[in-house]
Protein backbone atom coordinates (compact mmCIF):
# COMPACT_ATOMS: atom_id res chain seq x y z
CA MET A 1 -56.38 81.57 -18.17
CA GLU A 2 -58.09 78.75 -20.06
CA ARG A 3 -57.43 75.31 -18.59
CA LEU A 4 -57.07 72.45 -21.08
CA VAL A 5 -56.87 68.85 -19.90
CA ILE A 6 -56.15 65.97 -22.27
CA VAL A 7 -56.94 62.50 -20.96
CA GLY A 8 -54.71 59.99 -22.72
CA GLY A 9 -50.96 60.12 -23.25
CA GLY A 10 -50.57 58.77 -26.77
CA LEU A 11 -49.53 60.11 -30.15
CA ALA A 12 -52.72 62.10 -30.75
CA ALA A 13 -52.37 63.92 -27.43
CA ALA A 14 -48.70 64.71 -28.08
CA LYS A 15 -49.39 66.10 -31.54
CA ALA A 16 -52.24 68.22 -30.17
CA VAL A 17 -50.13 69.92 -27.49
CA GLU A 18 -47.17 70.28 -29.84
CA ARG A 19 -49.32 72.15 -32.38
CA LEU A 20 -50.96 74.29 -29.69
CA ARG A 21 -47.70 75.53 -28.28
CA GLU A 22 -46.16 76.00 -31.73
CA GLU A 23 -49.11 78.21 -32.66
CA GLY A 24 -48.98 80.33 -29.52
CA TYR A 25 -51.68 78.82 -27.32
CA GLU A 26 -51.17 80.36 -23.87
CA GLY A 27 -53.67 78.44 -21.75
CA SER A 28 -52.58 75.91 -19.15
CA VAL A 29 -52.22 72.40 -20.56
CA THR A 30 -52.20 69.11 -18.65
CA VAL A 31 -51.82 65.69 -20.28
CA VAL A 32 -52.80 62.68 -18.17
CA GLY A 33 -51.55 59.29 -19.40
CA ALA A 34 -52.21 55.92 -17.81
CA GLU A 35 -48.97 54.41 -19.12
CA GLY A 36 -45.71 55.04 -17.31
CA SER A 37 -43.99 56.25 -20.48
CA PRO A 38 -44.29 59.63 -22.20
CA PRO A 39 -46.18 59.58 -25.52
CA TYR A 40 -44.69 57.27 -28.14
CA GLU A 41 -45.55 55.91 -31.57
CA ARG A 42 -47.07 52.43 -31.60
CA PRO A 43 -46.18 51.10 -35.11
CA PRO A 44 -42.58 50.25 -34.10
CA LEU A 45 -43.92 47.89 -31.42
CA SER A 46 -44.80 45.27 -34.02
CA LYS A 47 -42.13 46.27 -36.53
CA ASP A 48 -38.65 47.65 -35.78
CA LEU A 49 -38.66 47.19 -32.00
CA LEU A 50 -39.90 43.60 -32.22
CA LEU A 51 -37.20 42.96 -34.83
CA GLY A 52 -34.69 44.08 -32.20
CA LYS A 53 -33.73 47.31 -33.96
CA ASP A 54 -32.53 50.32 -31.98
CA THR A 55 -35.49 52.63 -32.57
CA ASP A 56 -36.74 55.38 -30.27
CA PRO A 57 -40.53 55.71 -30.64
CA THR A 58 -40.82 58.68 -28.26
CA VAL A 59 -42.76 61.54 -29.85
CA LEU A 60 -41.30 64.54 -27.99
CA ASP A 61 -37.98 64.99 -26.20
CA ALA A 62 -38.05 64.66 -22.43
CA ASP A 63 -37.23 68.36 -22.01
CA TRP A 64 -39.94 69.52 -24.38
CA TRP A 65 -42.71 69.33 -21.80
CA SER A 66 -41.16 71.62 -19.22
CA GLU A 67 -39.71 73.93 -21.85
CA HIS A 68 -43.22 74.46 -23.27
CA ASP A 69 -44.98 74.64 -19.91
CA VAL A 70 -47.05 71.49 -20.39
CA GLN A 71 -47.73 69.31 -17.36
CA LEU A 72 -47.33 65.65 -18.32
CA MET A 73 -48.68 63.16 -15.78
CA THR A 74 -47.63 59.61 -16.68
CA GLY A 75 -48.70 56.45 -14.85
CA THR A 76 -51.85 58.31 -13.84
CA ARG A 77 -55.32 56.92 -14.46
CA VAL A 78 -58.45 59.05 -14.69
CA THR A 79 -61.31 57.24 -12.96
CA ALA A 80 -64.24 59.64 -13.33
CA LEU A 81 -65.43 62.57 -15.39
CA ASP A 82 -67.85 65.08 -13.87
CA ARG A 83 -69.06 67.14 -16.82
CA GLU A 84 -71.34 69.34 -14.75
CA ALA A 85 -68.51 70.41 -12.44
CA ARG A 86 -66.00 70.28 -15.31
CA ARG A 87 -63.41 68.18 -13.58
CA VAL A 88 -61.81 64.76 -13.77
CA GLU A 89 -60.94 62.57 -10.83
CA LEU A 90 -57.66 60.67 -10.69
CA GLU A 91 -57.05 57.22 -9.21
CA SER A 92 -55.18 58.95 -6.37
CA GLY A 93 -58.31 60.87 -5.44
CA ASP A 94 -56.95 64.16 -6.73
CA ARG A 95 -59.05 66.22 -9.14
CA LEU A 96 -58.24 68.36 -12.14
CA GLU A 97 -60.60 71.13 -13.21
CA TYR A 98 -60.89 72.07 -16.85
CA ASP A 99 -62.44 74.60 -19.19
CA LEU A 100 -61.84 72.34 -22.18
CA LEU A 101 -61.33 68.58 -22.12
CA VAL A 102 -59.97 66.37 -24.90
CA LEU A 103 -60.51 62.63 -24.55
CA ALA A 104 -57.72 60.70 -26.26
CA THR A 105 -58.01 57.47 -24.30
CA GLY A 106 -57.15 55.23 -27.24
CA ALA A 107 -58.09 51.58 -27.59
CA GLU A 108 -57.43 48.31 -25.82
CA PRO A 109 -56.73 44.83 -27.21
CA ARG A 110 -59.84 42.78 -27.82
CA VAL A 111 -59.88 39.81 -25.44
CA PRO A 112 -61.98 36.91 -26.77
CA ASP A 113 -64.46 35.05 -24.62
CA LEU A 114 -62.38 31.89 -24.57
CA PRO A 115 -61.00 29.78 -21.75
CA GLY A 116 -57.44 30.87 -21.00
CA ALA A 117 -57.58 34.05 -23.10
CA ASP A 118 -56.78 36.22 -20.08
CA ARG A 119 -53.36 34.48 -19.79
CA ALA A 120 -52.30 35.05 -23.39
CA LEU A 121 -49.95 37.75 -24.68
CA TYR A 122 -51.36 40.92 -26.25
CA LEU A 123 -49.55 43.75 -28.01
CA ARG A 124 -50.51 47.33 -27.30
CA THR A 125 -47.88 48.94 -25.09
CA LEU A 126 -44.11 49.13 -24.71
CA GLU A 127 -44.37 46.73 -21.78
CA ASP A 128 -46.30 44.29 -23.97
CA LYS A 129 -43.55 44.54 -26.60
CA ASP A 130 -40.89 43.79 -23.99
CA ARG A 131 -42.78 40.70 -22.82
CA ILE A 132 -43.20 39.41 -26.37
CA LEU A 133 -39.62 40.16 -27.40
CA ALA A 134 -38.37 38.19 -24.41
CA THR A 135 -40.19 35.10 -25.71
CA LEU A 136 -38.72 35.20 -29.22
CA GLU A 137 -36.01 32.60 -28.74
CA SER A 138 -34.75 30.53 -31.63
CA GLY A 139 -36.68 27.28 -31.92
CA SER A 140 -39.46 28.31 -29.54
CA ARG A 141 -43.08 27.84 -30.60
CA LEU A 142 -45.39 30.84 -30.90
CA VAL A 143 -49.06 30.48 -31.78
CA ILE A 144 -50.80 33.66 -32.92
CA VAL A 145 -54.59 33.87 -32.86
CA GLY A 146 -55.64 36.28 -35.61
CA ALA A 147 -54.15 37.09 -39.02
CA GLY A 148 -54.80 40.82 -39.06
CA TRP A 149 -52.12 43.49 -39.40
CA ILE A 150 -50.70 43.05 -35.90
CA GLY A 151 -50.80 39.27 -36.00
CA LEU A 152 -49.01 39.10 -39.35
CA GLU A 153 -46.43 41.74 -38.42
CA VAL A 154 -45.60 39.85 -35.22
CA ALA A 155 -45.38 36.62 -37.22
CA ALA A 156 -42.87 38.21 -39.60
CA ALA A 157 -40.82 39.63 -36.73
CA ALA A 158 -40.86 36.30 -34.88
CA ARG A 159 -39.61 34.42 -37.95
CA SER A 160 -36.63 36.80 -38.09
CA HIS A 161 -35.72 35.39 -34.66
CA ASP A 162 -36.09 31.82 -36.00
CA VAL A 163 -39.22 31.24 -33.93
CA ARG A 164 -41.58 28.49 -35.08
CA VAL A 165 -44.79 30.42 -35.81
CA THR A 166 -48.33 29.16 -36.28
CA VAL A 167 -51.05 31.68 -37.16
CA LEU A 168 -54.71 30.75 -36.74
CA GLU A 169 -57.34 32.68 -38.72
CA ARG A 170 -61.08 32.06 -38.83
CA ASP A 171 -61.55 33.51 -42.34
CA ASP A 172 -60.48 31.67 -45.49
CA LEU A 173 -57.69 34.17 -46.14
CA PRO A 174 -55.81 36.70 -44.01
CA LEU A 175 -57.14 40.26 -44.31
CA GLN A 176 -59.57 39.02 -46.93
CA ARG A 177 -62.18 41.71 -46.27
CA VAL A 178 -59.55 44.46 -46.50
CA LEU A 179 -57.45 43.30 -49.45
CA GLY A 180 -59.74 41.07 -51.49
CA ASP A 181 -59.06 37.50 -52.56
CA GLU A 182 -56.11 37.99 -54.92
CA LEU A 183 -54.00 40.16 -52.62
CA ALA A 184 -54.95 38.17 -49.51
CA THR A 185 -53.88 34.98 -51.30
CA HIS A 186 -50.59 36.65 -52.21
CA LEU A 187 -49.98 37.69 -48.60
CA ALA A 188 -50.80 34.20 -47.34
CA ALA A 189 -48.33 32.66 -49.80
CA LEU A 190 -45.67 35.16 -48.72
CA HIS A 191 -45.95 34.14 -45.07
CA ARG A 192 -45.95 30.44 -45.87
CA SER A 193 -42.86 30.88 -48.06
CA HIS A 194 -41.09 32.27 -44.98
CA GLY A 195 -42.00 29.29 -42.83
CA VAL A 196 -45.15 30.57 -41.14
CA ASP A 197 -47.67 27.80 -40.53
CA LEU A 198 -50.72 29.83 -41.54
CA ARG A 199 -53.95 27.96 -40.93
CA THR A 200 -57.15 29.56 -42.20
CA GLY A 201 -60.81 28.70 -41.80
CA VAL A 202 -60.24 27.46 -38.25
CA THR A 203 -62.23 28.09 -35.09
CA VAL A 204 -60.25 28.71 -31.92
CA GLU A 205 -61.93 27.06 -28.96
CA GLU A 206 -59.50 27.39 -26.05
CA ILE A 207 -56.13 28.68 -24.94
CA VAL A 208 -54.78 25.59 -23.23
CA LEU A 209 -53.08 26.40 -19.91
CA GLY A 210 -50.33 24.69 -17.99
CA ASP A 211 -48.95 25.52 -14.57
CA ASP A 212 -47.07 28.59 -15.82
CA GLY A 213 -49.38 29.83 -18.57
CA PRO A 214 -50.46 28.86 -22.08
CA VAL A 215 -49.05 25.62 -23.53
CA GLY A 216 -51.17 25.44 -26.64
CA VAL A 217 -54.31 26.38 -28.51
CA ARG A 218 -57.23 24.12 -29.28
CA ALA A 219 -58.68 24.99 -32.68
CA SER A 220 -61.21 23.05 -34.75
CA GLY A 221 -60.75 20.06 -32.49
CA GLU A 222 -56.96 19.96 -32.71
CA THR A 223 -54.48 21.14 -30.08
CA ILE A 224 -51.47 23.06 -31.38
CA GLU A 225 -48.66 22.97 -28.84
CA ALA A 226 -47.00 26.27 -27.96
CA ASP A 227 -44.45 27.84 -25.68
CA HIS A 228 -46.28 31.16 -25.97
CA VAL A 229 -49.63 32.36 -27.32
CA LEU A 230 -50.39 35.81 -28.69
CA VAL A 231 -53.96 36.95 -29.32
CA ALA A 232 -54.27 39.63 -32.01
CA ILE A 233 -57.92 39.96 -33.01
CA GLY A 234 -58.24 43.72 -33.03
CA ALA A 235 -58.91 46.45 -30.50
CA VAL A 236 -61.86 48.10 -28.82
CA PRO A 237 -62.10 51.83 -28.05
CA ALA A 238 -61.53 52.80 -24.41
CA THR A 239 -64.88 54.53 -23.93
CA ALA A 240 -65.69 53.71 -20.28
CA LEU A 241 -64.95 57.22 -19.03
CA ALA A 242 -67.14 58.78 -21.72
CA GLU A 243 -69.98 56.31 -21.24
CA GLU A 244 -70.08 56.73 -17.48
CA SER A 245 -70.27 60.50 -17.90
CA GLY A 246 -73.25 60.24 -20.26
CA LEU A 247 -71.53 61.07 -23.54
CA GLU A 248 -72.82 59.35 -26.66
CA VAL A 249 -70.83 56.25 -27.60
CA ASP A 250 -71.26 54.08 -30.68
CA ASP A 251 -68.10 52.08 -31.40
CA GLY A 252 -66.17 55.06 -30.10
CA ILE A 253 -67.02 58.45 -28.70
CA VAL A 254 -69.37 60.15 -31.14
CA VAL A 255 -67.99 63.49 -32.35
CA ASP A 256 -68.68 65.79 -35.28
CA GLU A 257 -66.30 66.84 -38.04
CA ARG A 258 -64.56 69.19 -35.59
CA PHE A 259 -64.11 66.43 -32.97
CA GLN A 260 -66.75 68.00 -30.73
CA THR A 261 -69.04 65.90 -28.54
CA ALA A 262 -72.55 67.05 -27.60
CA ASP A 263 -70.89 68.74 -24.62
CA GLU A 264 -69.32 71.98 -25.85
CA HIS A 265 -66.50 71.61 -23.33
CA VAL A 266 -65.49 68.06 -24.37
CA LEU A 267 -63.81 66.84 -27.56
CA ALA A 268 -62.37 63.45 -28.55
CA ILE A 269 -59.60 62.36 -30.92
CA GLY A 270 -57.56 59.35 -31.93
CA ASP A 271 -58.42 55.67 -31.69
CA VAL A 272 -61.34 56.35 -29.35
CA ALA A 273 -63.12 58.90 -31.57
CA GLY A 274 -65.86 58.09 -34.03
CA ALA A 275 -65.56 61.29 -36.04
CA TRP A 276 -67.75 62.48 -38.90
CA ASN A 277 -65.75 62.63 -42.14
CA VAL A 278 -67.07 65.35 -44.46
CA THR A 279 -65.42 63.86 -47.56
CA LEU A 280 -66.79 60.35 -47.11
CA GLU A 281 -70.00 61.57 -45.44
CA ASP A 282 -69.73 58.89 -42.82
CA ARG A 283 -68.55 58.42 -39.26
CA LEU A 284 -65.11 56.80 -39.02
CA ARG A 285 -63.09 55.40 -36.16
CA VAL A 286 -59.55 54.82 -37.38
CA GLU A 287 -56.82 53.19 -35.27
CA HIS A 288 -53.81 54.06 -37.39
CA TRP A 289 -50.70 56.17 -36.80
CA ASP A 290 -51.45 58.75 -39.50
CA ASN A 291 -54.93 59.41 -38.15
CA ALA A 292 -53.62 60.03 -34.63
CA ILE A 293 -51.17 62.62 -35.96
CA ARG A 294 -53.74 64.34 -38.15
CA GLN A 295 -56.49 64.41 -35.53
CA GLY A 296 -54.10 65.67 -32.87
CA ARG A 297 -53.04 68.58 -35.05
CA ALA A 298 -56.59 69.20 -36.27
CA VAL A 299 -58.12 69.40 -32.79
CA ALA A 300 -55.42 71.92 -31.87
CA ASP A 301 -56.50 74.03 -34.83
CA VAL A 302 -60.12 73.72 -33.70
CA LEU A 303 -59.18 74.88 -30.20
CA LEU A 304 -57.35 77.81 -31.79
CA GLY A 305 -60.56 78.81 -33.55
CA ARG A 306 -59.56 77.76 -37.04
CA ASP A 307 -61.89 76.36 -39.68
CA THR A 308 -60.51 72.82 -39.64
CA VAL A 309 -62.56 69.68 -40.26
CA HIS A 310 -62.06 65.93 -40.53
CA ASP A 311 -61.84 65.54 -44.31
CA TRP A 312 -58.92 63.21 -45.12
CA TYR A 313 -58.87 59.60 -46.28
CA PRO A 314 -57.60 56.90 -43.90
CA TYR A 315 -53.98 55.88 -44.37
CA PHE A 316 -51.89 53.02 -42.98
CA TYR A 317 -48.76 51.08 -43.76
CA THR A 318 -47.19 47.74 -42.98
CA ASP A 319 -43.87 45.89 -43.25
CA GLN A 320 -43.92 42.09 -43.44
CA PHE A 321 -40.87 40.33 -44.85
CA GLU A 322 -40.36 41.88 -48.33
CA PHE A 323 -43.97 43.12 -48.43
CA SER A 324 -43.82 46.84 -47.53
CA MET A 325 -46.73 49.02 -48.44
CA GLU A 326 -48.74 52.20 -47.93
CA TYR A 327 -52.52 52.31 -48.30
CA VAL A 328 -54.89 55.25 -48.56
CA GLY A 329 -58.66 55.35 -48.99
CA ARG A 330 -61.75 53.46 -47.98
CA PRO A 331 -63.06 50.87 -50.44
CA GLY A 332 -66.53 49.37 -50.49
CA PRO A 333 -67.43 45.66 -50.43
CA LYS A 334 -68.38 45.62 -54.13
CA ASP A 335 -65.24 47.35 -55.40
CA THR A 336 -62.94 45.57 -57.82
CA VAL A 337 -59.15 45.60 -57.62
CA GLU A 338 -56.81 46.45 -60.49
CA ILE A 339 -53.11 45.63 -60.09
CA ARG A 340 -50.33 47.32 -62.05
CA GLY A 341 -46.71 46.23 -61.71
CA ASP A 342 -45.03 43.01 -60.60
CA LEU A 343 -47.08 41.18 -57.97
CA GLU A 344 -44.55 38.39 -57.47
CA ALA A 345 -41.72 40.87 -56.92
CA ASN A 346 -43.81 42.86 -54.43
CA ALA A 347 -43.47 45.99 -56.55
CA PHE A 348 -46.93 47.06 -57.66
CA ILE A 349 -49.85 49.44 -57.24
CA ALA A 350 -53.33 48.16 -56.35
CA TYR A 351 -56.37 50.28 -57.21
CA TRP A 352 -59.83 49.78 -55.70
CA ILE A 353 -62.57 50.97 -58.07
CA ASP A 354 -66.31 51.19 -57.48
CA GLU A 355 -69.21 50.60 -59.88
CA GLU A 356 -69.06 54.23 -61.05
CA SER A 357 -65.35 53.94 -61.97
CA ARG A 358 -64.40 56.03 -58.96
CA LEU A 359 -61.11 55.21 -57.24
CA THR A 360 -61.91 54.48 -53.60
CA ALA A 361 -58.47 53.33 -52.39
CA GLY A 362 -54.92 52.82 -53.57
CA MET A 363 -52.00 50.80 -52.24
CA ASN A 364 -48.36 51.10 -53.23
CA VAL A 365 -46.19 48.06 -52.50
CA GLY A 366 -42.44 48.39 -52.93
CA ILE A 367 -42.90 51.55 -55.04
CA TRP A 368 -42.17 54.69 -53.07
CA ASP A 369 -42.86 58.42 -53.18
CA VAL A 370 -46.19 57.85 -54.92
CA ASN A 371 -48.65 57.79 -52.04
CA ASP A 372 -49.37 61.50 -52.33
CA THR A 373 -50.30 60.88 -55.95
CA LEU A 374 -52.60 58.05 -54.92
CA ARG A 375 -54.18 60.28 -52.27
CA GLU A 376 -54.95 62.88 -54.94
CA MET A 377 -56.47 60.21 -57.20
CA VAL A 378 -58.75 58.73 -54.54
CA GLY A 379 -62.29 60.01 -55.00
CA THR A 380 -61.83 60.73 -58.71
CA ARG A 381 -63.11 58.76 -61.70
CA VAL A 382 -60.45 56.77 -63.52
CA ASP A 383 -60.01 54.95 -66.81
CA ARG A 384 -58.84 51.42 -65.97
CA SER A 385 -56.93 51.20 -69.26
CA GLU A 386 -54.80 54.21 -68.30
CA LEU A 387 -53.79 53.02 -64.82
CA THR A 388 -50.07 52.37 -64.36
CA ASP A 389 -47.64 51.37 -61.62
CA LEU A 390 -46.74 55.11 -61.28
CA SER A 391 -43.03 54.37 -61.60
């Protein structure tokens, strides 16, 4: 009987085993996760759960694993991969042999090379969420380093708890390279209107420490006092296991359009995988929820011998105050943005268009049930005069 081992206990791994068992895969399946929890979805960590809502992010019911004959090993770290012997070694010293191995080791928060950065808060796991939520007391001071998606979502959640929030961003606008100047300016104004002290164009120099942890952040020569400091400057793929085993790594584990490494017995999916996208004709590493689901299901199809490839456009979503949106596509740096709808009311569609009038990305804000339409439009040529808010 074929032995499948998946290293990594996140959403991608859960969706892979779910699809395999649904489709009749009869081989033995073992999922090894370093976290103590069964697979869960990460978006609620910076959204509903941080807002204090009663949301269960668990992907599969507790009974599912035994009922479908899948061995789930939580709180278990894989320390070595021996590709020649086809086995992985666990922190306990035990070994698991495999016929097929899927690496779904995810990503880790990026820790800046700054004094005191190792004592700051980071958000990646349920435990991280619990630590951050415990700090969100009315009137307390939270300084967030980084105005990316996570930083801004945490800022919005913290303001709902009446926390005094300062966000420090090195660029002139938050998410400027993703959204462009007009939309980034709009998002900055939204946060400031809700009491966020958003400071852009600043250079963070130090996380200032007291006896019990961070007490402030020194940025551009000024010290901003804080009760707590969160660093949210992105994530890095967890590639150590792959690198040490000799697999090719280039901002993620390098895999083809079928998630296959150069080793025919090893595949990679999720946040850690730099997978060739046949539609965009480029290698992508995407850290979003939708991609984990799609790659998990797709690698299951590959293992089942189906003709499945990585061909979809990246998708993500966010909720910040009254700014709720979905985004699909991959724009280029020279694309222009067309907006249809009511920007001030946060009910609009944004279209990214390249020099050949091809739609490269679309974003619906406050207008729902249209993202599938946007997905169909991405990659096609459009007439700017005919674009609407799709309502």
